[in-house]
Protein backbone atom coordinates (compact mmCIF):
# COMPACT_ATOMS: atom_id res chain seq x y z
CA MET A 1 83.85 -138.62 -248.77
CA SER A 2 81.22 -138.56 -246.03
CA THR A 3 80.00 -141.98 -247.14
CA ILE A 4 83.50 -143.40 -246.86
CA THR A 5 83.93 -141.83 -243.44
CA GLU A 6 80.62 -143.20 -242.17
CA THR A 7 81.50 -146.67 -243.50
CA ALA A 8 84.87 -146.55 -241.80
CA LEU A 9 83.35 -145.48 -238.50
CA THR A 10 80.56 -148.06 -238.48
CA PRO A 11 82.65 -151.02 -237.23
CA SER A 12 84.05 -148.96 -234.36
CA ARG A 13 80.59 -147.80 -233.42
CA LEU A 14 79.37 -151.38 -233.29
CA ALA A 15 82.52 -152.75 -231.64
CA TRP A 16 80.73 -152.93 -228.29
CA LEU A 17 78.16 -155.35 -229.74
CA THR A 18 80.14 -158.53 -229.10
CA PRO A 19 78.68 -162.03 -229.61
CA ASN A 20 78.57 -162.55 -225.85
CA LEU A 21 76.66 -159.31 -225.29
CA LEU A 22 74.29 -160.12 -228.13
CA GLY A 23 73.62 -163.53 -226.56
CA VAL A 24 72.86 -161.90 -223.21
CA VAL A 25 70.45 -159.44 -224.84
CA LEU A 26 68.63 -162.27 -226.63
CA LEU A 27 68.35 -164.26 -223.40
CA LEU A 28 66.95 -161.25 -221.58
CA LEU A 29 64.43 -160.66 -224.36
CA LEU A 30 63.42 -164.30 -224.03
CA GLY A 31 63.30 -164.10 -220.23
CA TYR A 32 61.21 -160.92 -220.10
CA GLY A 33 59.24 -161.03 -223.32
CA VAL A 34 58.43 -164.70 -223.90
CA VAL A 35 58.72 -166.84 -220.76
CA PRO A 36 56.25 -164.84 -218.58
CA TRP A 37 53.59 -165.20 -221.26
CA ILE A 38 53.95 -168.89 -222.13
CA GLY A 39 55.40 -170.39 -218.94
CA SER A 40 53.21 -172.20 -216.41
CA ASP A 41 53.13 -171.47 -212.68
CA TYR A 42 54.99 -174.75 -212.10
CA LEU A 43 57.79 -173.66 -214.44
CA MET A 44 58.10 -170.32 -212.65
CA ASP A 45 57.86 -171.65 -209.09
CA ALA A 46 59.68 -174.97 -209.27
CA VAL A 47 62.29 -174.38 -211.97
CA LEU A 48 63.08 -170.80 -212.95
CA THR A 49 62.94 -168.99 -209.60
CA PRO A 50 65.17 -171.49 -207.73
CA PHE A 51 67.45 -171.56 -210.78
CA LEU A 52 67.91 -167.79 -210.59
CA ALA A 53 68.58 -167.80 -206.84
CA LEU A 54 71.11 -170.64 -207.08
CA ALA A 55 72.74 -169.05 -210.13
CA LEU A 56 73.31 -165.80 -208.24
CA ALA A 57 74.73 -167.71 -205.27
CA ALA A 58 77.03 -169.57 -207.67
CA VAL A 59 78.14 -166.27 -209.22
CA GLY A 60 79.08 -165.10 -205.72
CA LEU A 61 81.03 -168.24 -204.90
CA ASN A 62 82.70 -168.17 -208.31
CA VAL A 63 84.00 -164.68 -207.61
CA LEU A 64 85.63 -165.98 -204.44
CA THR A 65 86.79 -169.42 -205.56
CA GLY A 66 87.03 -169.26 -209.34
CA TYR A 67 88.50 -165.77 -209.68
CA ALA A 68 90.18 -165.05 -206.33
CA GLY A 69 91.22 -168.64 -205.56
CA GLN A 70 89.85 -168.68 -202.00
CA VAL A 71 88.01 -171.88 -201.10
CA SER A 72 84.81 -171.65 -199.04
CA LEU A 73 82.43 -174.31 -197.74
CA GLY A 74 80.13 -171.92 -195.88
CA SER A 75 78.00 -170.49 -198.69
CA ALA A 76 74.71 -171.61 -197.12
CA ALA A 77 75.55 -169.56 -194.02
CA PHE A 78 75.60 -166.37 -196.08
CA LEU A 79 72.36 -167.39 -197.79
CA ALA A 80 70.83 -167.65 -194.31
CA VAL A 81 72.31 -164.32 -193.18
CA GLY A 82 70.84 -162.57 -196.21
CA ALA A 83 67.40 -164.16 -195.77
CA TYR A 84 67.10 -163.52 -192.03
CA ALA A 85 68.61 -160.03 -192.27
CA ALA A 86 66.08 -158.99 -194.92
CA TYR A 87 63.27 -160.50 -192.84
CA ASN A 88 64.26 -158.54 -189.73
CA LEU A 89 64.82 -155.31 -191.65
CA ASN A 90 61.34 -155.63 -193.13
CA LEU A 91 59.83 -156.51 -189.76
CA ARG A 92 61.55 -153.95 -187.55
CA LEU A 93 61.92 -151.08 -190.06
CA PRO A 94 58.58 -151.24 -191.90
CA GLY A 95 59.11 -147.89 -193.61
CA LEU A 96 62.21 -149.14 -195.41
CA PRO A 97 61.69 -149.97 -199.12
CA LEU A 98 62.12 -153.60 -200.14
CA LEU A 99 65.08 -152.84 -202.39
CA ALA A 100 66.82 -151.14 -199.47
CA ASP A 101 66.11 -154.24 -197.36
CA ILE A 102 67.77 -156.41 -200.01
CA VAL A 103 70.83 -154.19 -200.38
CA LEU A 104 71.29 -153.86 -196.61
CA ALA A 105 70.81 -157.61 -196.14
CA GLY A 106 73.53 -158.17 -198.72
CA GLY A 107 75.72 -155.68 -196.86
CA ILE A 108 75.20 -157.53 -193.57
CA ALA A 109 76.10 -160.81 -195.29
CA ALA A 110 79.20 -159.09 -196.70
CA ALA A 111 80.25 -157.94 -193.22
CA VAL A 112 79.84 -161.47 -191.86
CA GLY A 113 81.78 -162.82 -194.85
CA ILE A 114 84.67 -160.44 -194.21
CA VAL A 115 84.85 -161.55 -190.57
CA PHE A 116 85.00 -165.21 -191.55
CA GLY A 117 87.39 -164.37 -194.39
CA LEU A 118 90.06 -163.13 -192.01
CA PRO A 119 91.65 -166.62 -191.72
CA SER A 120 92.45 -166.39 -195.45
CA LEU A 121 95.26 -164.02 -194.52
CA ARG A 122 97.06 -166.95 -192.87
CA LEU A 123 95.47 -170.09 -194.27
CA ARG A 124 95.21 -171.51 -197.78
CA GLY A 125 93.64 -174.42 -199.59
CA PHE A 126 92.27 -177.25 -197.48
CA TYR A 127 92.88 -175.46 -194.18
CA LEU A 128 90.99 -172.37 -195.38
CA ALA A 129 88.09 -174.55 -196.57
CA VAL A 130 87.86 -176.18 -193.15
CA SER A 131 87.98 -172.81 -191.39
CA THR A 132 85.04 -171.53 -193.45
CA LEU A 133 82.95 -174.35 -192.01
CA ALA A 134 82.93 -172.28 -188.81
CA ALA A 135 80.60 -169.82 -190.57
CA GLN A 136 78.29 -172.65 -191.59
CA PHE A 137 77.91 -174.09 -188.11
CA PHE A 138 78.00 -170.80 -186.22
CA VAL A 139 75.27 -169.08 -188.27
CA GLN A 140 72.97 -172.09 -188.16
CA TRP A 141 73.49 -172.38 -184.38
CA ALA A 142 72.88 -168.66 -183.81
CA LEU A 143 69.65 -168.63 -185.82
CA THR A 144 68.37 -171.59 -183.82
CA LYS A 145 69.63 -170.44 -180.41
CA PHE A 146 68.46 -166.81 -180.44
CA GLY A 147 64.75 -166.39 -181.09
CA TRP A 148 65.11 -162.69 -181.91
CA PHE A 149 66.24 -163.53 -185.45
CA SER A 150 62.97 -165.37 -186.19
CA ASN A 151 60.69 -163.06 -184.17
CA ASP A 152 60.69 -165.57 -181.28
CA ASN A 153 59.45 -168.48 -183.37
CA ALA A 154 60.38 -171.63 -181.43
CA SER A 155 61.51 -173.51 -184.53
CA GLY A 156 63.26 -170.55 -186.16
CA VAL A 157 60.86 -170.50 -189.12
CA ILE A 158 60.25 -167.18 -190.88
CA ASP A 159 57.52 -166.27 -193.37
CA ALA A 160 58.51 -164.00 -196.22
CA PRO A 161 56.64 -160.72 -196.71
CA VAL A 162 54.93 -159.83 -199.97
CA LEU A 163 57.35 -158.58 -202.60
CA ARG A 164 56.33 -154.99 -203.20
CA ILE A 165 58.14 -152.07 -204.83
CA GLY A 166 56.11 -148.89 -204.65
CA SER A 167 52.70 -149.66 -206.09
CA LEU A 168 53.91 -152.84 -207.82
CA THR A 169 53.23 -156.16 -206.08
CA PHE A 170 55.00 -159.35 -207.15
CA SER A 171 52.77 -161.93 -205.48
CA SER A 172 52.10 -164.30 -208.39
CA ALA A 173 54.49 -166.98 -209.62
CA THR A 174 55.23 -164.91 -212.72
CA GLY A 175 55.74 -161.77 -210.65
CA ARG A 176 58.23 -163.46 -208.34
CA TYR A 177 60.10 -164.82 -211.36
CA VAL A 178 60.32 -161.39 -213.01
CA PHE A 179 61.43 -159.85 -209.71
CA SER A 180 64.16 -162.48 -209.30
CA LEU A 181 65.28 -162.13 -212.92
CA THR A 182 65.66 -158.37 -212.50
CA ILE A 183 67.70 -158.65 -209.31
CA VAL A 184 69.94 -161.37 -210.78
CA THR A 185 70.47 -159.41 -214.00
CA ILE A 186 71.54 -156.26 -212.14
CA ALA A 187 73.79 -158.18 -209.72
CA THR A 188 75.45 -160.15 -212.52
CA ALA A 189 76.05 -156.99 -214.57
CA LEU A 190 77.72 -155.34 -211.57
CA THR A 191 79.83 -158.46 -211.04
CA ALA A 192 80.95 -158.50 -214.66
CA ARG A 193 81.89 -154.83 -214.37
CA LEU A 194 83.91 -155.51 -211.21
CA LEU A 195 85.74 -158.48 -212.73
CA ALA A 196 86.67 -156.42 -215.79
CA SER A 197 88.25 -153.74 -213.58
CA GLN A 198 91.62 -153.63 -211.86
CA THR A 199 90.02 -155.29 -208.83
CA GLY A 200 89.10 -158.30 -210.95
CA ARG A 201 92.65 -158.50 -212.28
CA ASN A 202 93.90 -158.38 -208.69
CA PHE A 203 91.64 -161.32 -207.85
CA ILE A 204 93.16 -163.37 -210.68
CA ALA A 205 96.70 -162.37 -209.72
CA VAL A 206 96.16 -163.55 -206.14
CA ARG A 207 94.62 -166.79 -207.40
CA ASP A 208 97.42 -167.58 -209.85
CA HIS A 209 100.41 -166.74 -207.65
CA GLU A 210 100.01 -164.98 -204.34
CA VAL A 211 103.71 -164.20 -203.83
CA ALA A 212 104.11 -162.78 -207.33
CA ALA A 213 100.96 -160.71 -206.85
CA LYS A 214 102.42 -159.20 -203.69
CA VAL A 215 105.70 -158.44 -205.45
CA ILE A 216 103.99 -156.47 -208.23
CA GLY A 217 102.06 -154.42 -205.69
CA VAL A 218 98.70 -156.15 -205.35
CA PRO A 219 97.33 -155.42 -201.82
CA LEU A 220 96.71 -158.97 -200.57
CA LEU A 221 94.77 -158.03 -197.44
CA ARG A 222 92.36 -155.72 -199.21
CA THR A 223 91.96 -158.00 -202.24
CA LYS A 224 91.15 -161.13 -200.24
CA LEU A 225 88.74 -159.40 -197.90
CA LEU A 226 87.07 -157.64 -200.83
CA ALA A 227 86.63 -161.02 -202.52
CA PHE A 228 85.02 -162.47 -199.38
CA GLY A 229 82.87 -159.39 -198.89
CA PHE A 230 81.59 -159.09 -202.45
CA SER A 231 81.03 -162.84 -202.73
CA SER A 232 79.07 -162.87 -199.48
CA PHE A 233 77.05 -159.86 -200.63
CA LEU A 234 75.91 -161.68 -203.76
CA ILE A 235 75.16 -164.87 -201.85
CA GLY A 236 73.24 -162.87 -199.24
CA VAL A 237 71.08 -161.31 -201.96
CA ALA A 238 70.57 -164.80 -203.39
CA GLY A 239 69.42 -165.88 -199.93
CA VAL A 240 66.76 -163.16 -199.99
CA LEU A 241 65.50 -164.46 -203.34
CA TRP A 242 65.60 -168.04 -202.07
CA ALA A 243 63.51 -167.15 -199.02
CA PHE A 244 61.24 -164.38 -200.32
CA ALA A 245 60.67 -165.34 -203.96
CA TYR A 246 61.05 -169.13 -203.98
CA LEU A 247 60.29 -170.91 -200.70
CA ARG A 248 58.52 -168.03 -198.92
CA THR A 249 58.88 -169.98 -195.66
CA VAL A 250 62.34 -171.02 -194.49
CA GLU A 251 64.03 -172.41 -191.41
CA PRO A 252 67.69 -172.57 -190.32
CA ALA A 253 67.90 -176.28 -191.18
CA GLY A 254 67.25 -175.40 -194.81
CA PHE A 255 70.64 -173.67 -194.96
CA ASN A 256 72.69 -176.69 -193.99
CA LEU A 257 76.01 -178.01 -195.26
CA ASP A 258 74.28 -179.83 -198.13
CA ARG A 259 73.22 -176.46 -199.51
CA SER A 260 76.81 -175.22 -199.35
CA PHE A 261 78.01 -178.28 -201.23
CA GLN A 262 75.24 -177.81 -203.80
CA ILE A 263 76.50 -174.31 -204.63
CA LEU A 264 80.08 -175.61 -204.78
CA PHE A 265 79.00 -178.41 -207.14
CA ILE A 266 77.31 -175.83 -209.39
CA ILE A 267 80.53 -173.93 -210.06
CA ILE A 268 82.57 -177.13 -210.47
CA ILE A 269 80.15 -178.63 -212.98
CA GLY A 270 79.37 -175.33 -214.72
CA GLY A 271 82.92 -174.04 -214.81
CA LEU A 272 85.23 -172.15 -212.47
CA ALA A 273 86.09 -168.52 -213.21
CA SER A 274 83.13 -168.18 -215.57
CA LEU A 275 79.91 -166.25 -215.04
CA ARG A 276 78.29 -168.34 -217.76
CA GLY A 277 79.41 -171.45 -215.93
CA ALA A 278 77.49 -170.39 -212.82
CA PHE A 279 74.24 -170.20 -214.79
CA ILE A 280 74.90 -173.39 -216.76
CA GLY A 281 75.75 -175.30 -213.57
CA ALA A 282 72.68 -173.96 -211.77
CA ALA A 283 70.47 -174.98 -214.69
CA PHE A 284 71.94 -178.48 -214.56
CA ILE A 285 71.49 -178.83 -210.79
CA VAL A 286 67.86 -177.66 -210.95
CA VAL A 287 66.75 -179.52 -214.08
CA PHE A 288 68.69 -182.76 -213.60
CA PRO A 289 66.64 -184.09 -210.61
CA LEU A 290 63.43 -183.43 -212.54
CA LEU A 291 64.68 -185.32 -215.59
CA LEU A 292 66.06 -188.13 -213.44
CA SER A 293 62.74 -188.44 -211.62
CA ARG A 294 60.78 -188.68 -214.89
CA LEU A 295 63.23 -191.16 -216.38
CA GLY A 296 63.39 -193.31 -213.23
CA ALA A 297 59.61 -193.41 -212.91
CA ALA A 298 59.25 -194.38 -216.57
CA VAL A 299 61.82 -197.19 -216.32
CA LEU A 300 61.38 -198.53 -212.78
CA GLY A 301 57.87 -197.38 -211.90
CA SER A 302 56.97 -197.27 -208.21
CA VAL A 303 60.35 -198.74 -207.21
CA PHE A 304 61.96 -195.39 -208.04
CA ASP A 305 60.76 -193.51 -204.94
CA SER A 306 62.14 -190.31 -203.39
CA GLY A 307 64.87 -192.17 -201.50
CA VAL A 308 66.14 -193.89 -204.64
CA LEU A 309 65.94 -190.58 -206.50
CA GLU A 310 68.06 -188.77 -203.92
CA MET A 311 70.67 -191.54 -203.84
CA SER A 312 70.80 -191.76 -207.64
CA GLN A 313 71.19 -188.01 -207.86
CA ARG A 314 74.11 -188.03 -205.42
CA ILE A 315 75.83 -190.86 -207.28
CA VAL A 316 75.49 -189.28 -210.72
CA ILE A 317 76.53 -185.78 -209.60
CA GLY A 318 79.47 -187.21 -207.64
CA ALA A 319 80.61 -189.14 -210.71
CA LEU A 320 80.26 -186.04 -212.88
CA ILE A 321 82.32 -183.93 -210.48
CA ILE A 322 85.13 -186.50 -210.47
CA ALA A 323 84.98 -186.72 -214.28
CA PHE A 324 85.11 -182.94 -214.72
CA LEU A 325 87.95 -182.50 -212.23
CA ILE A 326 90.02 -185.11 -214.09
CA ALA A 327 89.07 -184.58 -217.74
CA GLU A 328 87.81 -180.99 -217.98
CA PRO A 329 88.35 -178.74 -214.93
CA ARG A 330 86.66 -175.85 -216.75
CA GLY A 331 83.33 -177.69 -216.62
CA LEU A 332 80.34 -177.61 -218.94
CA VAL A 333 81.15 -174.14 -220.25
CA ALA A 334 84.36 -175.50 -221.81
CA LEU A 335 82.48 -178.36 -223.46
CA ILE A 336 79.94 -175.93 -224.90
CA ASP A 337 82.70 -173.67 -226.20
CA ARG A 338 84.38 -176.65 -227.85
CA ALA A 339 81.11 -177.71 -229.47
CA VAL A 340 80.50 -174.18 -230.81
CA ALA A 341 84.05 -173.98 -232.14
CA ALA A 342 83.65 -177.37 -233.85
CA VAL A 343 80.42 -176.24 -235.55
CA ARG A 344 82.10 -173.05 -236.76
CA ARG A 345 85.05 -175.01 -238.18
CA LEU A 346 82.64 -177.36 -239.93
CA ARG A 347 80.72 -174.47 -241.49
CA SER A 348 83.90 -172.72 -242.62
CA SER A 349 85.24 -175.92 -244.20
CA GLN A 350 81.96 -176.46 -246.06
CA SER A 351 81.91 -172.90 -247.34
């Protein structure tokens, strides 16, 4: 009898171990247990660390645009707010732990995001997207105009401090990668938890039909501002990783409109309303220029210089965005899901 009972209870005990969760665990084991030991400094510095920072920024924008349906073109502004806020907290409050600097910098970015999200209460679609450009231009102007933000550096350049938590120092390429991976993992887990809650369902209700959401009791004001605030928080934390773990020296011009469009392209190519899509799109945006550079150099030789590379990259990514918007609005994540489903059908038919 006890054996039957234990057998009956086993599936329910393992019900939490879904294929998606198992995939995440395997990726984390690979990221922590394999990559740091076999990866080169170039892989850590030039590929994985920027990938993680951009992926977290894309997760933040996907919360706002993919789940809550609020369009924003000012993501780079919140990257800059997070980076410069963490720099000033570290500089002016030296006794504050680094993790506290990161959380507070994200909170400052969230506050700025809420302020610039106020037009969403009146504006929608194209008009809201244009209004968010105010954040982009205002933040970049403020960081350049007021020297206090950069410790009175004439060009607005800031140098990142050493990443240190207690007695642990993350100064090597591998250390910065592990630090970034840990922050991104925690932030993504919190995001997934939020999206699975009633707040996440409110986001989707506002995105799908704002009037119907209001009728069924969804608080539009609080939901929209929460979406802007939480999205800006994640992007602000990503800005800290971009400045402290990746570039280590940044200037206001590095957070221009092109950076905002890059993050927007990531969620379009990867897939809207999908956390996986943010990571897949970020991987594509980071790896694609490297592959295109190698391929162009192999085919065209010295003719394929940096200018040709940049133009080719813009053309290909622009074409891909148009193709995805027309043929598959759900992006690469939908194509991968279709491929997996096709393989499963093939295996089942063979068996």
